[in-house]
Structure formats: C-alpha cells, structure tokens
Amino acid sequence: MFVRELGAGSGGTAVLWLHGLGSDGAAFGAVAEHPRLARRRHLMPDLPGFGQSPPSQEPLGLQEHADLLASWLSRRGEARVVLVGHSMGGVVGQILAEGHSGLVSAFANVEGNLSPADCTV
C-alpha cells in the first residue's frame, strides 16, 4: 500500500486520512500541509486499487480495508491515531474505529457515506 507521510518525523499522535471512492491520499495534501497542523504527523494511504497502490488479488470490501489498515498500523507501532475519513473513507474509518478501537483515539467523518451500500459503483 502506497502511503504519503508528512509532518514532524517520528513520535506523537498521527492523523490517518482515508480517501473516498475514486480518490487517493493526495486529496488531503493541502489540508495536511496547513501550518496549524504542522505539529502532527500525517499518514495518507492510497487504499489498494487506488492512486499509486496496486490492486489486491481480489477486490477488498470495506471490512477488509479496515482490517488491512489495522494490521498496517499495528505493524508500524502507531499509537492511537486520529482518524479522518471522507466519503467511502468515512465508512472504512467507522468500521476501523469500531472494530479496532485500541488503534483510534478520535474519528472525524467528513461527508462520509451513511452506509456500506453507498460505497459501490
């Protein structure tokens, strides 16, 4: 999974930005680079099959995306991220926050879809 990383190096709580359907992590670049957020680390992944990330062998569902992110965060040793999800990323973020609450300190759903059925084409 391709991930853009910005911010204050290692340590501290990171902000994990989850993009919507048809987008990628670069969609959050201007917000993550805002001077008021300069003290935070920012993680902006391209979910599998989006942006610069190759597709998975089989298409992933929303739960699988959340589980993949949880596994990735755990492997990195990230301490309770602040999660921001937009559109489909809002639903993936909700699933991640509910199913892996030990990895998430806060969750903001920015114009997120209301249900998994809203995340299909």
N, C-alpha and C. Protein backbone atom coordinates (compact mmCIF):
# COMPACT_ATOMS: atom_id res chain seq x y z
N MET A 1 0.85 -1.16 0.00
CA MET A 1 0.00 0.00 0.00
C MET A 1 0.91 1.24 0.00
N PHE A 2 0.67 2.12 -0.94
CA PHE A 2 1.43 3.36 -1.02
C PHE A 2 0.90 4.35 0.01
N VAL A 3 1.82 4.99 0.75
CA VAL A 3 1.43 5.92 1.81
C VAL A 3 2.27 7.19 1.70
N ARG A 4 1.60 8.33 1.69
CA ARG A 4 2.28 9.62 1.79
C ARG A 4 2.40 9.95 3.27
N GLU A 5 3.58 10.41 3.68
CA GLU A 5 3.79 10.79 5.07
C GLU A 5 4.33 12.21 5.12
N LEU A 6 3.71 13.02 5.95
CA LEU A 6 4.13 14.40 6.15
C LEU A 6 4.24 14.66 7.64
N GLY A 7 4.99 15.68 8.00
CA GLY A 7 4.94 16.16 9.37
C GLY A 7 6.18 15.96 10.18
N ALA A 8 5.98 16.04 11.46
CA ALA A 8 7.04 16.18 12.44
C ALA A 8 7.80 14.90 12.74
N GLY A 9 8.18 14.17 11.75
CA GLY A 9 9.01 12.99 11.97
C GLY A 9 8.31 11.92 12.78
N SER A 10 9.09 11.19 13.55
CA SER A 10 8.52 10.10 14.33
C SER A 10 8.03 10.61 15.68
N GLY A 11 7.19 9.85 16.28
CA GLY A 11 6.66 10.19 17.59
C GLY A 11 5.40 11.01 17.50
N GLY A 12 4.66 11.01 18.58
CA GLY A 12 3.41 11.77 18.62
C GLY A 12 2.29 11.08 17.89
N THR A 13 1.10 11.59 18.13
CA THR A 13 -0.09 11.03 17.52
C THR A 13 -0.17 11.43 16.05
N ALA A 14 -0.38 10.46 15.20
CA ALA A 14 -0.51 10.72 13.77
C ALA A 14 -1.97 10.92 13.40
N VAL A 15 -2.19 11.64 12.32
CA VAL A 15 -3.51 11.76 11.72
C VAL A 15 -3.52 10.83 10.51
N LEU A 16 -4.47 9.91 10.48
CA LEU A 16 -4.64 8.99 9.36
C LEU A 16 -5.81 9.47 8.52
N TRP A 17 -5.54 9.86 7.29
CA TRP A 17 -6.54 10.40 6.37
C TRP A 17 -6.98 9.30 5.41
N LEU A 18 -8.28 9.02 5.35
CA LEU A 18 -8.81 7.96 4.48
C LEU A 18 -9.66 8.58 3.38
N HIS A 19 -9.24 8.36 2.17
CA HIS A 19 -9.89 8.95 0.99
C HIS A 19 -11.18 8.25 0.61
N GLY A 20 -11.90 8.90 -0.29
CA GLY A 20 -13.15 8.35 -0.79
C GLY A 20 -12.97 7.51 -2.04
N LEU A 21 -14.06 6.94 -2.49
CA LEU A 21 -14.10 6.11 -3.68
C LEU A 21 -13.67 6.94 -4.89
N GLY A 22 -12.73 6.43 -5.66
CA GLY A 22 -12.27 7.13 -6.85
C GLY A 22 -11.22 8.20 -6.58
N SER A 23 -10.73 8.26 -5.36
CA SER A 23 -9.74 9.27 -4.99
C SER A 23 -8.49 8.57 -4.48
N ASP A 24 -7.61 9.33 -3.84
CA ASP A 24 -6.42 8.75 -3.20
C ASP A 24 -5.96 9.68 -2.07
N GLY A 25 -4.93 9.27 -1.37
CA GLY A 25 -4.46 10.03 -0.23
C GLY A 25 -4.01 11.44 -0.55
N ALA A 26 -3.61 11.70 -1.79
CA ALA A 26 -3.17 13.04 -2.18
C ALA A 26 -4.28 14.06 -2.04
N ALA A 27 -5.52 13.63 -1.98
CA ALA A 27 -6.66 14.54 -1.84
C ALA A 27 -6.57 15.38 -0.57
N PHE A 28 -5.82 14.90 0.42
CA PHE A 28 -5.72 15.60 1.70
C PHE A 28 -4.45 16.44 1.84
N GLY A 29 -3.63 16.48 0.80
CA GLY A 29 -2.33 17.14 0.88
C GLY A 29 -2.40 18.58 1.34
N ALA A 30 -3.28 19.38 0.78
CA ALA A 30 -3.35 20.80 1.14
C ALA A 30 -3.77 20.99 2.59
N VAL A 31 -4.67 20.16 3.08
CA VAL A 31 -5.10 20.26 4.47
C VAL A 31 -3.97 19.82 5.40
N ALA A 32 -3.34 18.70 5.09
CA ALA A 32 -2.26 18.19 5.94
C ALA A 32 -1.07 19.14 6.00
N GLU A 33 -0.87 19.92 4.95
CA GLU A 33 0.25 20.87 4.92
C GLU A 33 -0.08 22.22 5.56
N HIS A 34 -1.30 22.39 6.05
CA HIS A 34 -1.69 23.66 6.66
C HIS A 34 -0.81 23.92 7.89
N PRO A 35 -0.34 25.17 8.05
CA PRO A 35 0.55 25.48 9.18
C PRO A 35 -0.03 25.13 10.56
N ARG A 36 -1.34 25.20 10.73
CA ARG A 36 -1.92 24.87 12.04
C ARG A 36 -1.83 23.38 12.37
N LEU A 37 -1.56 22.57 11.37
CA LEU A 37 -1.44 21.13 11.60
C LEU A 37 0.01 20.66 11.54
N ALA A 38 0.94 21.60 11.53
CA ALA A 38 2.36 21.28 11.33
C ALA A 38 2.95 20.42 12.44
N ARG A 39 2.37 20.46 13.63
CA ARG A 39 2.94 19.67 14.74
C ARG A 39 2.55 18.21 14.67
N ARG A 40 1.66 17.87 13.78
CA ARG A 40 1.19 16.48 13.67
C ARG A 40 1.92 15.75 12.54
N ARG A 41 1.99 14.44 12.69
CA ARG A 41 2.39 13.59 11.57
C ARG A 41 1.13 13.23 10.80
N HIS A 42 1.24 13.11 9.50
CA HIS A 42 0.10 12.82 8.65
C HIS A 42 0.40 11.59 7.80
N LEU A 43 -0.53 10.63 7.83
CA LEU A 43 -0.43 9.41 7.04
C LEU A 43 -1.59 9.41 6.05
N MET A 44 -1.27 9.39 4.76
CA MET A 44 -2.30 9.46 3.73
C MET A 44 -2.14 8.30 2.75
N PRO A 45 -2.73 7.15 3.10
CA PRO A 45 -2.57 5.98 2.24
C PRO A 45 -3.46 6.05 1.00
N ASP A 46 -2.98 5.40 -0.04
CA ASP A 46 -3.82 5.08 -1.20
C ASP A 46 -4.28 3.64 -0.95
N LEU A 47 -5.55 3.46 -0.67
CA LEU A 47 -6.06 2.11 -0.42
C LEU A 47 -5.82 1.23 -1.64
N PRO A 48 -5.74 -0.09 -1.47
CA PRO A 48 -5.46 -0.99 -2.59
C PRO A 48 -6.39 -0.73 -3.79
N GLY A 49 -5.76 -0.57 -4.96
CA GLY A 49 -6.50 -0.32 -6.19
C GLY A 49 -6.77 1.14 -6.46
N PHE A 50 -6.30 2.03 -5.59
CA PHE A 50 -6.49 3.47 -5.75
C PHE A 50 -5.13 4.16 -5.82
N GLY A 51 -5.07 5.26 -6.55
CA GLY A 51 -3.85 6.04 -6.63
C GLY A 51 -2.65 5.21 -7.04
N GLN A 52 -1.60 5.26 -6.24
CA GLN A 52 -0.36 4.56 -6.55
C GLN A 52 -0.27 3.17 -5.94
N SER A 53 -1.33 2.72 -5.27
CA SER A 53 -1.33 1.37 -4.71
C SER A 53 -1.84 0.37 -5.73
N PRO A 54 -1.14 -0.74 -5.86
CA PRO A 54 -1.64 -1.76 -6.78
C PRO A 54 -2.93 -2.39 -6.24
N PRO A 55 -3.75 -2.92 -7.13
CA PRO A 55 -4.96 -3.60 -6.65
C PRO A 55 -4.59 -4.89 -5.93
N SER A 56 -5.47 -5.33 -5.04
CA SER A 56 -5.27 -6.62 -4.38
C SER A 56 -5.69 -7.73 -5.34
N GLN A 57 -5.32 -8.96 -5.00
CA GLN A 57 -5.67 -10.11 -5.85
C GLN A 57 -7.18 -10.18 -6.07
N GLU A 58 -7.92 -10.02 -4.99
CA GLU A 58 -9.37 -10.00 -5.02
C GLU A 58 -9.82 -8.62 -4.53
N PRO A 59 -10.89 -8.09 -5.10
CA PRO A 59 -11.36 -6.79 -4.60
C PRO A 59 -11.67 -6.86 -3.10
N LEU A 60 -11.27 -5.83 -2.38
CA LEU A 60 -11.48 -5.80 -0.94
C LEU A 60 -12.79 -5.11 -0.61
N GLY A 61 -13.48 -5.65 0.38
CA GLY A 61 -14.67 -5.00 0.90
C GLY A 61 -14.27 -3.98 1.95
N LEU A 62 -15.25 -3.29 2.48
CA LEU A 62 -14.99 -2.25 3.47
C LEU A 62 -14.35 -2.80 4.73
N GLN A 63 -14.85 -3.94 5.21
CA GLN A 63 -14.26 -4.57 6.40
C GLN A 63 -12.81 -4.96 6.13
N GLU A 64 -12.54 -5.50 4.96
CA GLU A 64 -11.17 -5.91 4.63
C GLU A 64 -10.23 -4.70 4.58
N HIS A 65 -10.73 -3.57 4.05
CA HIS A 65 -9.91 -2.35 4.06
C HIS A 65 -9.60 -1.94 5.50
N ALA A 66 -10.59 -1.96 6.36
CA ALA A 66 -10.39 -1.58 7.76
C ALA A 66 -9.40 -2.53 8.44
N ASP A 67 -9.54 -3.82 8.20
CA ASP A 67 -8.63 -4.79 8.80
C ASP A 67 -7.20 -4.63 8.28
N LEU A 68 -7.07 -4.35 6.99
CA LEU A 68 -5.76 -4.10 6.40
C LEU A 68 -5.09 -2.90 7.07
N LEU A 69 -5.85 -1.83 7.24
CA LEU A 69 -5.31 -0.64 7.90
C LEU A 69 -4.93 -0.92 9.35
N ALA A 70 -5.76 -1.69 10.05
CA ALA A 70 -5.47 -2.04 11.44
C ALA A 70 -4.16 -2.83 11.53
N SER A 71 -4.00 -3.77 10.65
CA SER A 71 -2.78 -4.58 10.64
C SER A 71 -1.57 -3.70 10.33
N TRP A 72 -1.71 -2.81 9.36
CA TRP A 72 -0.63 -1.91 8.98
C TRP A 72 -0.25 -0.99 10.15
N LEU A 73 -1.26 -0.39 10.80
CA LEU A 73 -0.98 0.47 11.95
C LEU A 73 -0.28 -0.29 13.06
N SER A 74 -0.72 -1.51 13.33
CA SER A 74 -0.11 -2.33 14.38
C SER A 74 1.35 -2.65 14.05
N ARG A 75 1.61 -3.04 12.81
CA ARG A 75 2.99 -3.35 12.40
C ARG A 75 3.90 -2.14 12.55
N ARG A 76 3.37 -0.95 12.31
CA ARG A 76 4.15 0.29 12.44
C ARG A 76 4.32 0.72 13.88
N GLY A 77 3.53 0.16 14.78
CA GLY A 77 3.57 0.56 16.18
C GLY A 77 2.95 1.93 16.42
N GLU A 78 1.98 2.29 15.59
CA GLU A 78 1.31 3.58 15.75
C GLU A 78 0.45 3.57 17.00
N ALA A 79 0.56 4.62 17.78
CA ALA A 79 -0.23 4.77 18.99
C ALA A 79 -1.48 5.56 18.69
N ARG A 80 -2.60 4.94 18.77
CA ARG A 80 -3.94 5.55 18.68
C ARG A 80 -4.00 6.79 17.79
N VAL A 81 -4.18 6.58 16.51
CA VAL A 81 -4.24 7.66 15.53
C VAL A 81 -5.52 8.47 15.65
N VAL A 82 -5.45 9.69 15.14
CA VAL A 82 -6.64 10.49 14.90
C VAL A 82 -7.04 10.17 13.47
N LEU A 83 -8.24 9.69 13.31
CA LEU A 83 -8.70 9.18 12.02
C LEU A 83 -9.67 10.17 11.38
N VAL A 84 -9.40 10.51 10.10
CA VAL A 84 -10.28 11.38 9.34
C VAL A 84 -10.64 10.65 8.06
N GLY A 85 -11.94 10.41 7.86
CA GLY A 85 -12.39 9.71 6.66
C GLY A 85 -13.37 10.55 5.88
N HIS A 86 -13.23 10.51 4.56
CA HIS A 86 -14.13 11.22 3.67
C HIS A 86 -14.82 10.22 2.75
N SER A 87 -16.11 10.39 2.56
CA SER A 87 -16.89 9.55 1.65
C SER A 87 -16.72 8.08 2.04
N MET A 88 -16.28 7.24 1.12
CA MET A 88 -16.06 5.83 1.44
C MET A 88 -15.09 5.69 2.61
N GLY A 89 -14.10 6.58 2.69
CA GLY A 89 -13.15 6.56 3.80
C GLY A 89 -13.82 6.78 5.14
N GLY A 90 -14.96 7.47 5.14
CA GLY A 90 -15.73 7.65 6.37
C GLY A 90 -16.31 6.34 6.87
N VAL A 91 -16.79 5.52 5.94
CA VAL A 91 -17.35 4.22 6.33
C VAL A 91 -16.22 3.28 6.76
N VAL A 92 -15.11 3.26 5.99
CA VAL A 92 -13.97 2.43 6.38
C VAL A 92 -13.45 2.88 7.75
N GLY A 93 -13.40 4.19 7.95
CA GLY A 93 -12.95 4.73 9.24
C GLY A 93 -13.86 4.33 10.38
N GLN A 94 -15.16 4.34 10.16
CA GLN A 94 -16.10 3.93 11.20
C GLN A 94 -15.89 2.46 11.55
N ILE A 95 -15.74 1.64 10.53
CA ILE A 95 -15.50 0.21 10.78
C ILE A 95 -14.19 0.01 11.54
N LEU A 96 -13.16 0.74 11.15
CA LEU A 96 -11.86 0.66 11.82
C LEU A 96 -11.99 1.11 13.28
N ALA A 97 -12.64 2.23 13.51
CA ALA A 97 -12.79 2.76 14.87
C ALA A 97 -13.61 1.83 15.76
N GLU A 98 -14.65 1.22 15.20
CA GLU A 98 -15.49 0.32 16.00
C GLU A 98 -14.82 -1.03 16.23
N GLY A 99 -14.16 -1.56 15.22
CA GLY A 99 -13.59 -2.91 15.33
C GLY A 99 -12.20 -2.96 15.92
N HIS A 100 -11.50 -1.83 15.87
CA HIS A 100 -10.11 -1.79 16.36
C HIS A 100 -9.94 -0.53 17.20
N SER A 101 -10.78 -0.36 18.18
CA SER A 101 -10.83 0.88 18.95
C SER A 101 -9.52 1.20 19.66
N GLY A 102 -8.72 0.21 19.94
CA GLY A 102 -7.44 0.45 20.58
C GLY A 102 -6.44 1.18 19.71
N LEU A 103 -6.72 1.26 18.41
CA LEU A 103 -5.82 1.94 17.48
C LEU A 103 -6.25 3.37 17.17
N VAL A 104 -7.44 3.77 17.62
CA VAL A 104 -8.02 5.04 17.23
C VAL A 104 -8.34 5.88 18.47
N SER A 105 -7.81 7.10 18.51
CA SER A 105 -8.11 7.99 19.64
C SER A 105 -9.28 8.91 19.35
N ALA A 106 -9.49 9.23 18.08
CA ALA A 106 -10.60 10.11 17.68
C ALA A 106 -10.92 9.82 16.22
N PHE A 107 -12.18 10.08 15.85
CA PHE A 107 -12.61 9.83 14.48
C PHE A 107 -13.49 10.97 14.00
N ALA A 108 -13.15 11.53 12.85
CA ALA A 108 -13.96 12.56 12.21
C ALA A 108 -14.41 12.04 10.85
N ASN A 109 -15.71 12.03 10.64
CA ASN A 109 -16.29 11.57 9.40
C ASN A 109 -16.69 12.81 8.59
N VAL A 110 -15.94 13.12 7.54
CA VAL A 110 -16.14 14.32 6.74
C VAL A 110 -16.92 13.95 5.48
N GLU A 111 -18.21 14.29 5.50
CA GLU A 111 -19.08 13.97 4.35
C GLU A 111 -19.00 12.49 4.00
N GLY A 112 -18.92 11.67 5.03
CA GLY A 112 -18.84 10.22 4.80
C GLY A 112 -20.18 9.65 4.36
N ASN A 113 -20.09 8.55 3.68
CA ASN A 113 -21.31 7.85 3.28
C ASN A 113 -22.04 7.37 4.52
N LEU A 114 -23.34 7.17 4.39
CA LEU A 114 -24.14 6.77 5.53
C LEU A 114 -24.17 5.27 5.75
N SER A 115 -23.89 4.51 4.70
CA SER A 115 -23.93 3.05 4.85
C SER A 115 -22.98 2.41 3.84
N PRO A 116 -22.61 1.15 4.05
CA PRO A 116 -21.77 0.47 3.08
C PRO A 116 -22.38 0.43 1.68
N ALA A 117 -23.69 0.40 1.57
CA ALA A 117 -24.34 0.36 0.25
C ALA A 117 -24.06 1.63 -0.55
N ASP A 118 -23.70 2.71 0.11
CA ASP A 118 -23.38 3.95 -0.58
C ASP A 118 -21.98 3.94 -1.16
N CYS A 119 -21.21 2.90 -0.93
CA CYS A 119 -19.79 2.83 -1.34
C CYS A 119 -19.56 1.92 -2.52
N THR A 120 -20.55 1.74 -3.34
CA THR A 120 -20.38 0.86 -4.50
C THR A 120 -20.66 1.63 -5.77
N VAL A 121 -20.09 1.12 -6.85
CA VAL A 121 -20.30 1.74 -8.16
C VAL A 121 -21.07 0.78 -9.02
